[in-house]
């Protein structure tokens, strides 16, 4: 998804990043998309998670880790070129989607995955959160992945 629609230059937020598995993916030479991974490794990666315990495991992979809530992220608006949320938006999606959309820099993208059972609620929340799907509903294991831009 990101290969075809690369985000502009700028920082990356792994929202609900837990133990920073995204950072591990970036550094794993056996993973596909070597050029994309290399380009993203040049950017500052910030991991945000509500669990301090998870962030302890994240710190060796991503030195910039912050504890916080997706619905009230501790960042200024339009701060990130790319925001990732891998199955981190659970329950009512609108508050988190609205907050994450506000963090997108002009031309920035939000890559979010949702459990299959949560897809309908997420899709219904996209317009109210001022998000426009670029691609959507792509199978990602048991999840569905959406690439979104701020309207």
C-alpha atoms as a PDB file:
ATOM      1  CA  UNK A   1       0.000   0.000   0.000  1.00  0.00           C
ATOM      2  CA  UNK A   2       2.701   2.478   0.976  1.00  0.00           C
ATOM      3  CA  UNK A   3       4.874   1.566  -1.997  1.00  0.00           C
ATOM      4  CA  UNK A   4       2.265   2.855  -4.445  1.00  0.00           C
ATOM      5  CA  UNK A   5       1.342   5.888  -2.358  1.00  0.00           C
ATOM      6  CA  UNK A   6       4.460   7.045  -0.516  1.00  0.00           C
ATOM      7  CA  UNK A   7       3.926   9.705   2.160  1.00  0.00           C
ATOM      8  CA  UNK A   8       5.720  13.057   1.932  1.00  0.00           C
ATOM      9  CA  UNK A   9       8.988  13.618   3.778  1.00  0.00           C
ATOM     10  CA  UNK A  10       8.599  13.850   7.532  1.00  0.00           C
ATOM     11  CA  UNK A  11       8.288  11.966  10.768  1.00  0.00           C
ATOM     12  CA  UNK A  12       6.398   8.699  11.321  1.00  0.00           C
ATOM     13  CA  UNK A  13       4.071   7.936  14.242  1.00  0.00           C
ATOM     14  CA  UNK A  14       3.337   4.352  15.208  1.00  0.00           C
ATOM     15  CA  UNK A  15       0.130   5.007  17.140  1.00  0.00           C
ATOM     16  CA  UNK A  16      -0.641   2.190  19.531  1.00  0.00           C
ATOM     17  CA  UNK A  17       2.747   0.784  18.546  1.00  0.00           C
ATOM     18  CA  UNK A  18       3.129  -1.468  21.569  1.00  0.00           C
ATOM     19  CA  UNK A  19       6.535  -3.145  21.423  1.00  0.00           C
ATOM     20  CA  UNK A  20       7.504  -1.346  18.164  1.00  0.00           C
ATOM     21  CA  UNK A  21       7.049  -4.274  15.811  1.00  0.00           C
ATOM     22  CA  UNK A  22       6.943  -1.760  12.930  1.00  0.00           C
ATOM     23  CA  UNK A  23      10.496  -0.689  13.789  1.00  0.00           C
ATOM     24  CA  UNK A  24      11.495  -4.346  13.831  1.00  0.00           C
ATOM     25  CA  UNK A  25       9.947  -4.783  10.365  1.00  0.00           C
ATOM     26  CA  UNK A  26      11.884  -1.765   9.087  1.00  0.00           C
ATOM     27  CA  UNK A  27      15.166  -3.288  10.257  1.00  0.00           C
ATOM     28  CA  UNK A  28      14.569  -6.877   9.092  1.00  0.00           C
ATOM     29  CA  UNK A  29      16.492  -7.495   5.837  1.00  0.00           C
ATOM     30  CA  UNK A  30      14.425 -10.619   5.136  1.00  0.00           C
ATOM     31  CA  UNK A  31      11.232  -8.552   4.801  1.00  0.00           C
ATOM     32  CA  UNK A  32       9.991  -7.312   1.396  1.00  0.00           C
ATOM     33  CA  UNK A  33      10.003  -3.720   0.116  1.00  0.00           C
ATOM     34  CA  UNK A  34      13.667  -2.997   0.838  1.00  0.00           C
ATOM     35  CA  UNK A  35      13.581   0.464  -0.781  1.00  0.00           C
ATOM     36  CA  UNK A  36      10.519   1.561   1.170  1.00  0.00           C
ATOM     37  CA  UNK A  37      11.935   0.225   4.424  1.00  0.00           C
ATOM     38  CA  UNK A  38      15.260   1.992   3.793  1.00  0.00           C
ATOM     39  CA  UNK A  39      13.491   5.278   3.077  1.00  0.00           C
ATOM     40  CA  UNK A  40      11.345   5.015   6.199  1.00  0.00           C
ATOM     41  CA  UNK A  41      14.374   4.139   8.355  1.00  0.00           C
ATOM     42  CA  UNK A  42      15.780   7.583   7.490  1.00  0.00           C
ATOM     43  CA  UNK A  43      12.830   9.250   9.192  1.00  0.00           C
ATOM     44  CA  UNK A  44      12.237   9.862  12.876  1.00  0.00           C
ATOM     45  CA  UNK A  45       9.953   7.141  14.251  1.00  0.00           C
ATOM     46  CA  UNK A  46       7.846   7.899  17.305  1.00  0.00           C
ATOM     47  CA  UNK A  47       6.006   5.103  19.097  1.00  0.00           C
ATOM     48  CA  UNK A  48       2.914   6.065  21.088  1.00  0.00           C
ATOM     49  CA  UNK A  49       1.212   3.529  23.331  1.00  0.00           C
ATOM     50  CA  UNK A  50      -0.946   3.629  26.445  1.00  0.00           C
ATOM     51  CA  UNK A  51       1.058   0.825  28.052  1.00  0.00           C
ATOM     52  CA  UNK A  52       4.309   1.815  29.730  1.00  0.00           C
ATOM     53  CA  UNK A  53       5.127  -1.888  30.028  1.00  0.00           C
ATOM     54  CA  UNK A  54       4.878  -2.367  26.263  1.00  0.00           C
ATOM     55  CA  UNK A  55       7.005   0.723  25.665  1.00  0.00           C
ATOM     56  CA  UNK A  56       9.800  -0.785  27.774  1.00  0.00           C
ATOM     57  CA  UNK A  57      10.068  -3.492  25.116  1.00  0.00           C
ATOM     58  CA  UNK A  58       9.780  -0.880  22.340  1.00  0.00           C
ATOM     59  CA  UNK A  59      12.628   1.350  23.517  1.00  0.00           C
ATOM     60  CA  UNK A  60      15.501  -0.816  22.155  1.00  0.00           C
ATOM     61  CA  UNK A  61      13.808  -0.822  18.732  1.00  0.00           C
ATOM     62  CA  UNK A  62      12.613   2.801  18.667  1.00  0.00           C
ATOM     63  CA  UNK A  63      14.328   5.198  21.071  1.00  0.00           C
ATOM     64  CA  UNK A  64      11.553   7.823  20.876  1.00  0.00           C
ATOM     65  CA  UNK A  65       8.647   6.247  22.775  1.00  0.00           C
ATOM     66  CA  UNK A  66       5.845   8.101  24.540  1.00  0.00           C
ATOM     67  CA  UNK A  67       3.009   6.923  26.746  1.00  0.00           C
ATOM     68  CA  UNK A  68      -0.327   8.358  25.706  1.00  0.00           C
ATOM     69  CA  UNK A  69      -3.834   7.804  24.438  1.00  0.00           C
ATOM     70  CA  UNK A  70      -4.721   7.692  20.738  1.00  0.00           C
ATOM     71  CA  UNK A  71      -7.725   9.920  21.341  1.00  0.00           C
ATOM     72  CA  UNK A  72      -5.599  12.597  23.063  1.00  0.00           C
ATOM     73  CA  UNK A  73      -2.157  12.307  21.474  1.00  0.00           C
ATOM     74  CA  UNK A  74       0.532  14.572  22.981  1.00  0.00           C
ATOM     75  CA  UNK A  75       1.579  16.127  19.657  1.00  0.00           C
ATOM     76  CA  UNK A  76       0.837  19.282  17.734  1.00  0.00           C
ATOM     77  CA  UNK A  77      -1.483  19.040  14.752  1.00  0.00           C
ATOM     78  CA  UNK A  78      -0.085  18.351  11.282  1.00  0.00           C
ATOM     79  CA  UNK A  79       3.106  16.906  12.803  1.00  0.00           C
ATOM     80  CA  UNK A  80       3.513  13.575  10.977  1.00  0.00           C
ATOM     81  CA  UNK A  81       3.897  12.589   7.329  1.00  0.00           C
ATOM     82  CA  UNK A  82       2.827   9.030   8.126  1.00  0.00           C
ATOM     83  CA  UNK A  83       0.698   7.722  10.977  1.00  0.00           C
ATOM     84  CA  UNK A  84       0.363   3.970  11.479  1.00  0.00           C
ATOM     85  CA  UNK A  85      -2.277   2.306  13.574  1.00  0.00           C
ATOM     86  CA  UNK A  86      -2.093  -1.461  13.393  1.00  0.00           C
ATOM     87  CA  UNK A  87      -5.209  -2.862  15.073  1.00  0.00           C
ATOM     88  CA  UNK A  88      -4.925  -0.203  17.768  1.00  0.00           C
ATOM     89  CA  UNK A  89      -8.298   1.470  17.244  1.00  0.00           C
ATOM     90  CA  UNK A  90     -10.770  -0.670  19.114  1.00  0.00           C
ATOM     91  CA  UNK A  91     -14.329   0.068  20.128  1.00  0.00           C
ATOM     92  CA  UNK A  92     -15.764   3.375  18.862  1.00  0.00           C
ATOM     93  CA  UNK A  93     -13.363   4.397  16.053  1.00  0.00           C
ATOM     94  CA  UNK A  94     -14.349   8.040  15.547  1.00  0.00           C
ATOM     95  CA  UNK A  95     -12.450   9.693  18.452  1.00  0.00           C
ATOM     96  CA  UNK A  96      -9.170   7.981  17.599  1.00  0.00           C
ATOM     97  CA  UNK A  97      -9.558   8.518  13.847  1.00  0.00           C
ATOM     98  CA  UNK A  98     -10.334  12.209  14.363  1.00  0.00           C
ATOM     99  CA  UNK A  99      -7.258  12.648  16.582  1.00  0.00           C
ATOM    100  CA  UNK A 100      -4.955  10.739  14.250  1.00  0.00           C
ATOM    101  CA  UNK A 101      -6.256  12.614  11.202  1.00  0.00           C
ATOM    102  CA  UNK A 102      -5.415  15.908  12.920  1.00  0.00           C
ATOM    103  CA  UNK A 103      -1.795  14.764  13.252  1.00  0.00           C
ATOM    104  CA  UNK A 104      -1.332  14.320   9.496  1.00  0.00           C
ATOM    105  CA  UNK A 105       0.861  16.856   7.734  1.00  0.00           C
ATOM    106  CA  UNK A 106      -0.424  18.140   4.376  1.00  0.00           C
ATOM    107  CA  UNK A 107      -0.264  15.220   1.967  1.00  0.00           C
ATOM    108  CA  UNK A 108       0.319  12.823   4.856  1.00  0.00           C
ATOM    109  CA  UNK A 109      -1.204   9.385   5.107  1.00  0.00           C
ATOM    110  CA  UNK A 110      -2.753   7.234   7.786  1.00  0.00           C
ATOM    111  CA  UNK A 111      -2.310   3.490   7.417  1.00  0.00           C
ATOM    112  CA  UNK A 112      -4.808   1.836   9.743  1.00  0.00           C
ATOM    113  CA  UNK A 113      -5.821  -1.768  10.171  1.00  0.00           C
ATOM    114  CA  UNK A 114      -8.998  -2.946  11.829  1.00  0.00           C
ATOM    115  CA  UNK A 115     -10.319  -6.285  12.934  1.00  0.00           C
ATOM    116  CA  UNK A 116     -12.758  -7.605  10.330  1.00  0.00           C
ATOM    117  CA  UNK A 117     -15.685  -7.188  12.744  1.00  0.00           C
ATOM    118  CA  UNK A 118     -14.807  -3.485  13.237  1.00  0.00           C
ATOM    119  CA  UNK A 119     -14.469  -2.526   9.558  1.00  0.00           C
ATOM    120  CA  UNK A 120     -18.044  -1.301   9.061  1.00  0.00           C
ATOM    121  CA  UNK A 121     -17.854   1.065  12.040  1.00  0.00           C
ATOM    122  CA  UNK A 122     -14.448   2.329  10.938  1.00  0.00           C
ATOM    123  CA  UNK A 123     -15.604   2.997   7.369  1.00  0.00           C
ATOM    124  CA  UNK A 124     -18.651   4.829   8.689  1.00  0.00           C
ATOM    125  CA  UNK A 125     -16.356   7.041  10.819  1.00  0.00           C
ATOM    126  CA  UNK A 126     -13.956   8.015   8.003  1.00  0.00           C
ATOM    127  CA  UNK A 127     -16.031  10.946   6.637  1.00  0.00           C
ATOM    128  CA  UNK A 128     -16.749  12.419  10.083  1.00  0.00           C
ATOM    129  CA  UNK A 129     -13.028  12.212  10.907  1.00  0.00           C
ATOM    130  CA  UNK A 130     -12.266  14.076   7.643  1.00  0.00           C
ATOM    131  CA  UNK A 131     -10.515  11.039   6.153  1.00  0.00           C
ATOM    132  CA  UNK A 132     -10.695   9.905   2.546  1.00  0.00           C
ATOM    133  CA  UNK A 133      -9.756   6.305   1.695  1.00  0.00           C
ATOM    134  CA  UNK A 134      -7.011   5.981  -0.905  1.00  0.00           C
ATOM    135  CA  UNK A 135      -7.137   2.206  -0.756  1.00  0.00           C
ATOM    136  CA  UNK A 136      -9.286   0.196   1.508  1.00  0.00           C
ATOM    137  CA  UNK A 137     -10.283  -3.107   2.843  1.00  0.00           C
ATOM    138  CA  UNK A 138      -7.105  -4.890   1.791  1.00  0.00           C
ATOM    139  CA  UNK A 139      -6.728  -8.165   3.645  1.00  0.00           C
ATOM    140  CA  UNK A 140      -3.904  -8.079   6.169  1.00  0.00           C
ATOM    141  CA  UNK A 141      -4.054 -11.392   7.977  1.00  0.00           C
ATOM    142  CA  UNK A 142      -7.245 -11.304  10.039  1.00  0.00           C
ATOM    143  CA  UNK A 143      -7.422  -7.524   9.680  1.00  0.00           C
ATOM    144  CA  UNK A 144      -8.408  -5.142   6.903  1.00  0.00           C
ATOM    145  CA  UNK A 145      -5.987  -2.355   6.005  1.00  0.00           C
ATOM    146  CA  UNK A 146      -6.920   1.148   4.843  1.00  0.00           C
ATOM    147  CA  UNK A 147      -4.683   3.884   3.502  1.00  0.00           C
ATOM    148  CA  UNK A 148      -6.328   7.217   4.276  1.00  0.00           C
ATOM    149  CA  UNK A 149      -5.671  10.885   3.585  1.00  0.00           C
ATOM    150  CA  UNK A 150      -7.031  13.913   5.349  1.00  0.00           C
ATOM    151  CA  UNK A 151      -9.625  15.811   3.330  1.00  0.00           C
END
